[in-house]
Structure formats: structure tokens, C-alpha cells
Amino acid sequence: MKTASKELQKLRSMAENSLKKTAELQQVLAQIEATLTRAENQKVIKKTRNY
């Protein structure tokens, strides 16, 4: 029984780490998207001011 319990703990830990990495990845992707959006907005503003 102890072996199964330890294996379950190990698997749970792996799953938790995977979820944390997924959340971190989503946060990084959101930051990249926000940066790209800001850069695109700046281009639009510059073009608008030039006309």
C-alpha cells in the first residue's frame, strides 16, 4: 500500500508542477501579446499623427 501511496503522491506532484508551468506559460504569452498590441497601437498613432 505504501508504494501505491508514494506513487500517487509523485503523480500528484507532477500534475501540480505541470499546471504551474501551464499557468506561467499563459502569463508569458499574455505579456507578449500585450507588448505586441502596444507596439501596433504605437504604429497606428504615429501614422494617424502624420496625416
PDB file of N, CA and C in Angstrom:
ATOM      1  N   MET A   1       0.811  -1.197   0.000  1.00  0.00           N
ATOM      2  CA  MET A   1       0.000   0.000   0.000  1.00  0.00           C
ATOM      3  C   MET A   1       0.856   1.264   0.000  1.00  0.00           C
ATOM      4  N   LYS A   2       1.978   1.230   0.743  1.00  0.00           N
ATOM      5  CA  LYS A   2       2.831   2.409   0.805  1.00  0.00           C
ATOM      6  C   LYS A   2       3.359   2.780  -0.576  1.00  0.00           C
ATOM      7  N   THR A   3       3.673   1.799  -1.362  1.00  0.00           N
ATOM      8  CA  THR A   3       4.216   2.063  -2.694  1.00  0.00           C
ATOM      9  C   THR A   3       3.186   2.789  -3.556  1.00  0.00           C
ATOM     10  N   ALA A   4       1.951   2.334  -3.494  1.00  0.00           N
ATOM     11  CA  ALA A   4       0.893   2.971  -4.279  1.00  0.00           C
ATOM     12  C   ALA A   4       0.679   4.410  -3.804  1.00  0.00           C
ATOM     13  N   SER A   5       0.711   4.602  -2.507  1.00  0.00           N
ATOM     14  CA  SER A   5       0.527   5.939  -1.944  1.00  0.00           C
ATOM     15  C   SER A   5       1.648   6.877  -2.383  1.00  0.00           C
ATOM     16  N   LYS A   6       2.866   6.376  -2.331  1.00  0.00           N
ATOM     17  CA  LYS A   6       4.004   7.194  -2.769  1.00  0.00           C
ATOM     18  C   LYS A   6       3.915   7.512  -4.252  1.00  0.00           C
ATOM     19  N   GLU A   7       3.490   6.531  -5.030  1.00  0.00           N
ATOM     20  CA  GLU A   7       3.350   6.734  -6.471  1.00  0.00           C
ATOM     21  C   GLU A   7       2.275   7.780  -6.760  1.00  0.00           C
ATOM     22  N   LEU A   8       1.166   7.714  -6.020  1.00  0.00           N
ATOM     23  CA  LEU A   8       0.103   8.702  -6.181  1.00  0.00           C
ATOM     24  C   LEU A   8       0.593  10.101  -5.814  1.00  0.00           C
ATOM     25  N   GLN A   9       1.369  10.206  -4.738  1.00  0.00           N
ATOM     26  CA  GLN A   9       1.929  11.497  -4.337  1.00  0.00           C
ATOM     27  C   GLN A   9       2.839  12.046  -5.431  1.00  0.00           C
ATOM     28  N   LYS A  10       3.655  11.153  -5.980  1.00  0.00           N
ATOM     29  CA  LYS A  10       4.576  11.550  -7.047  1.00  0.00           C
ATOM     30  C   LYS A  10       3.797  12.056  -8.264  1.00  0.00           C
ATOM     31  N   LEU A  11       2.772  11.314  -8.658  1.00  0.00           N
ATOM     32  CA  LEU A  11       1.966  11.710  -9.808  1.00  0.00           C
ATOM     33  C   LEU A  11       1.225  13.023  -9.551  1.00  0.00           C
ATOM     34  N   ARG A  12       0.732  13.189  -8.338  1.00  0.00           N
ATOM     35  CA  ARG A  12       0.039  14.433  -7.994  1.00  0.00           C
ATOM     36  C   ARG A  12       0.997  15.621  -8.070  1.00  0.00           C
ATOM     37  N   SER A  13       2.191  15.422  -7.560  1.00  0.00           N
ATOM     38  CA  SER A  13       3.205  16.470  -7.604  1.00  0.00           C
ATOM     39  C   SER A  13       3.548  16.836  -9.047  1.00  0.00           C
ATOM     40  N   MET A  14       3.679  15.825  -9.890  1.00  0.00           N
ATOM     41  CA  MET A  14       3.980  16.076 -11.299  1.00  0.00           C
ATOM     42  C   MET A  14       2.840  16.856 -11.961  1.00  0.00           C
ATOM     43  N   ALA A  15       1.609  16.488 -11.633  1.00  0.00           N
ATOM     44  CA  ALA A  15       0.454  17.172 -12.203  1.00  0.00           C
ATOM     45  C   ALA A  15       0.409  18.629 -11.746  1.00  0.00           C
ATOM     46  N   GLU A  16       0.672  18.868 -10.463  1.00  0.00           N
ATOM     47  CA  GLU A  16       0.680  20.232  -9.935  1.00  0.00           C
ATOM     48  C   GLU A  16       1.756  21.075 -10.609  1.00  0.00           C
ATOM     49  N   ASN A  17       2.934  20.506 -10.781  1.00  0.00           N
ATOM     50  CA  ASN A  17       4.012  21.226 -11.450  1.00  0.00           C
ATOM     51  C   ASN A  17       3.653  21.548 -12.895  1.00  0.00           C
ATOM     52  N   SER A  18       2.991  20.614 -13.538  1.00  0.00           N
ATOM     53  CA  SER A  18       2.564  20.832 -14.920  1.00  0.00           C
ATOM     54  C   SER A  18       1.570  21.983 -15.001  1.00  0.00           C
ATOM     55  N   LEU A  19       0.631  22.019 -14.049  1.00  0.00           N
ATOM     56  CA  LEU A  19      -0.360  23.099 -14.023  1.00  0.00           C
ATOM     57  C   LEU A  19       0.307  24.449 -13.773  1.00  0.00           C
ATOM     58  N   LYS A  20       1.286  24.464 -12.878  1.00  0.00           N
ATOM     59  CA  LYS A  20       2.005  25.708 -12.598  1.00  0.00           C
ATOM     60  C   LYS A  20       2.722  26.198 -13.846  1.00  0.00           C
ATOM     61  N   LYS A  21       3.372  25.268 -14.554  1.00  0.00           N
ATOM     62  CA  LYS A  21       4.074  25.644 -15.781  1.00  0.00           C
ATOM     63  C   LYS A  21       3.094  26.151 -16.825  1.00  0.00           C
ATOM     64  N   THR A  22       1.932  25.527 -16.913  1.00  0.00           N
ATOM     65  CA  THR A  22       0.916  25.961 -17.871  1.00  0.00           C
ATOM     66  C   THR A  22       0.462  27.376 -17.537  1.00  0.00           C
ATOM     67  N   ALA A  23       0.224  27.651 -16.272  1.00  0.00           N
ATOM     68  CA  ALA A  23      -0.203  28.984 -15.851  1.00  0.00           C
ATOM     69  C   ALA A  23       0.883  30.013 -16.149  1.00  0.00           C
ATOM     70  N   GLU A  24       2.142  29.656 -15.893  1.00  0.00           N
ATOM     71  CA  GLU A  24       3.251  30.569 -16.168  1.00  0.00           C
ATOM     72  C   GLU A  24       3.365  30.828 -17.665  1.00  0.00           C
ATOM     73  N   LEU A  25       3.203  29.781 -18.450  1.00  0.00           N
ATOM     74  CA  LEU A  25       3.265  29.930 -19.903  1.00  0.00           C
ATOM     75  C   LEU A  25       2.156  30.839 -20.402  1.00  0.00           C
ATOM     76  N   GLN A  26       0.958  30.658 -19.887  1.00  0.00           N
ATOM     77  CA  GLN A  26      -0.159  31.514 -20.284  1.00  0.00           C
ATOM     78  C   GLN A  26       0.115  32.971 -19.914  1.00  0.00           C
ATOM     79  N   GLN A  27       0.723  33.202 -18.765  1.00  0.00           N
ATOM     80  CA  GLN A  27       1.035  34.559 -18.334  1.00  0.00           C
ATOM     81  C   GLN A  27       2.070  35.183 -19.267  1.00  0.00           C
ATOM     82  N   VAL A  28       3.097  34.437 -19.616  1.00  0.00           N
ATOM     83  CA  VAL A  28       4.131  34.943 -20.516  1.00  0.00           C
ATOM     84  C   VAL A  28       3.535  35.245 -21.894  1.00  0.00           C
ATOM     85  N   LEU A  29       2.703  34.349 -22.395  1.00  0.00           N
ATOM     86  CA  LEU A  29       2.070  34.588 -23.693  1.00  0.00           C
ATOM     87  C   LEU A  29       1.177  35.831 -23.648  1.00  0.00           C
ATOM     88  N   ALA A  30       0.477  36.038 -22.558  1.00  0.00           N
ATOM     89  CA  ALA A  30      -0.361  37.226 -22.411  1.00  0.00           C
ATOM     90  C   ALA A  30       0.493  38.491 -22.401  1.00  0.00           C
ATOM     91  N   GLN A  31       1.640  38.441 -21.751  1.00  0.00           N
ATOM     92  CA  GLN A  31       2.538  39.592 -21.721  1.00  0.00           C
ATOM     93  C   GLN A  31       3.084  39.891 -23.112  1.00  0.00           C
ATOM     94  N   ILE A  32       3.435  38.847 -23.847  1.00  0.00           N
ATOM     95  CA  ILE A  32       3.934  39.035 -25.216  1.00  0.00           C
ATOM     96  C   ILE A  32       2.842  39.648 -26.082  1.00  0.00           C
ATOM     97  N   GLU A  33       1.638  39.124 -25.960  1.00  0.00           N
ATOM     98  CA  GLU A  33       0.521  39.652 -26.747  1.00  0.00           C
ATOM     99  C   GLU A  33       0.264  41.121 -26.414  1.00  0.00           C
ATOM    100  N   ALA A  34       0.329  41.469 -25.149  1.00  0.00           N
ATOM    101  CA  ALA A  34       0.120  42.855 -24.732  1.00  0.00           C
ATOM    102  C   ALA A  34       1.211  43.762 -25.306  1.00  0.00           C
ATOM    103  N   THR A  35       2.444  43.295 -25.285  1.00  0.00           N
ATOM    104  CA  THR A  35       3.553  44.076 -25.833  1.00  0.00           C
ATOM    105  C   THR A  35       3.377  44.299 -27.327  1.00  0.00           C
ATOM    106  N   LEU A  36       2.991  43.246 -28.043  1.00  0.00           N
ATOM    107  CA  LEU A  36       2.772  43.367 -29.486  1.00  0.00           C
ATOM    108  C   LEU A  36       1.608  44.312 -29.784  1.00  0.00           C
ATOM    109  N   THR A  37       0.569  44.229 -28.994  1.00  0.00           N
ATOM    110  CA  THR A  37      -0.586  45.108 -29.179  1.00  0.00           C
ATOM    111  C   THR A  37      -0.196  46.565 -28.956  1.00  0.00           C
ATOM    112  N   ARG A  38       0.586  46.814 -27.913  1.00  0.00           N
ATOM    113  CA  ARG A  38       1.037  48.189 -27.650  1.00  0.00           C
ATOM    114  C   ARG A  38       1.890  48.707 -28.799  1.00  0.00           C
ATOM    115  N   ALA A  39       2.779  47.865 -29.314  1.00  0.00           N
ATOM    116  CA  ALA A  39       3.645  48.274 -30.417  1.00  0.00           C
ATOM    117  C   ALA A  39       2.806  48.590 -31.658  1.00  0.00           C
ATOM    118  N   GLU A  40       1.823  47.770 -31.929  1.00  0.00           N
ATOM    119  CA  GLU A  40       0.947  48.003 -33.082  1.00  0.00           C
ATOM    120  C   GLU A  40       0.147  49.285 -32.898  1.00  0.00           C
ATOM    121  N   ASN A  41      -0.323  49.523 -31.683  1.00  0.00           N
ATOM    122  CA  ASN A  41      -1.059  50.757 -31.400  1.00  0.00           C
ATOM    123  C   ASN A  41      -0.175  51.983 -31.598  1.00  0.00           C
ATOM    124  N   GLN A  42       1.078  51.878 -31.203  1.00  0.00           N
ATOM    125  CA  GLN A  42       2.005  52.997 -31.392  1.00  0.00           C
ATOM    126  C   GLN A  42       2.199  53.294 -32.870  1.00  0.00           C
ATOM    127  N   LYS A  43       2.291  52.263 -33.697  1.00  0.00           N
ATOM    128  CA  LYS A  43       2.423  52.458 -35.143  1.00  0.00           C
ATOM    129  C   LYS A  43       1.208  53.185 -35.697  1.00  0.00           C
ATOM    130  N   VAL A  44       0.027  52.774 -35.259  1.00  0.00           N
ATOM    131  CA  VAL A  44      -1.212  53.398 -35.725  1.00  0.00           C
ATOM    132  C   VAL A  44      -1.254  54.861 -35.304  1.00  0.00           C
ATOM    133  N   ILE A  45      -0.859  55.136 -34.079  1.00  0.00           N
ATOM    134  CA  ILE A  45      -0.855  56.513 -33.585  1.00  0.00           C
ATOM    135  C   ILE A  45       0.109  57.372 -34.403  1.00  0.00           C
ATOM    136  N   LYS A  46       1.291  56.852 -34.688  1.00  0.00           N
ATOM    137  CA  LYS A  46       2.262  57.601 -35.489  1.00  0.00           C
ATOM    138  C   LYS A  46       1.722  57.896 -36.869  1.00  0.00           C
ATOM    139  N   LYS A  47       1.114  56.899 -37.505  1.00  0.00           N
ATOM    140  CA  LYS A  47       0.553  57.098 -38.834  1.00  0.00           C
ATOM    141  C   LYS A  47      -0.573  58.116 -38.814  1.00  0.00           C
ATOM    142  N   THR A  48      -1.402  58.040 -37.779  1.00  0.00           N
ATOM    143  CA  THR A  48      -2.515  58.981 -37.662  1.00  0.00           C
ATOM    144  C   THR A  48      -2.006  60.406 -37.481  1.00  0.00           C
ATOM    145  N   ARG A  49      -0.976  60.574 -36.712  1.00  0.00           N
ATOM    146  CA  ARG A  49      -0.438  61.926 -36.466  1.00  0.00           C
ATOM    147  C   ARG A  49       0.270  62.495 -37.694  1.00  0.00           C
ATOM    148  N   ASN A  50       0.786  61.628 -38.542  1.00  0.00           N
ATOM    149  CA  ASN A  50       1.484  62.089 -39.736  1.00  0.00           C
ATOM    150  C   ASN A  50       0.535  62.608 -40.809  1.00  0.00           C
ATOM    151  N   TYR A  51      -0.749  62.265 -40.726  1.00  0.00           N
ATOM    152  CA  TYR A  51      -1.715  62.712 -41.724  1.00  0.00           C
ATOM    153  C   TYR A  51      -2.355  63.954 -41.316  1.00  0.00           C
TER     154      TYR A  51
END
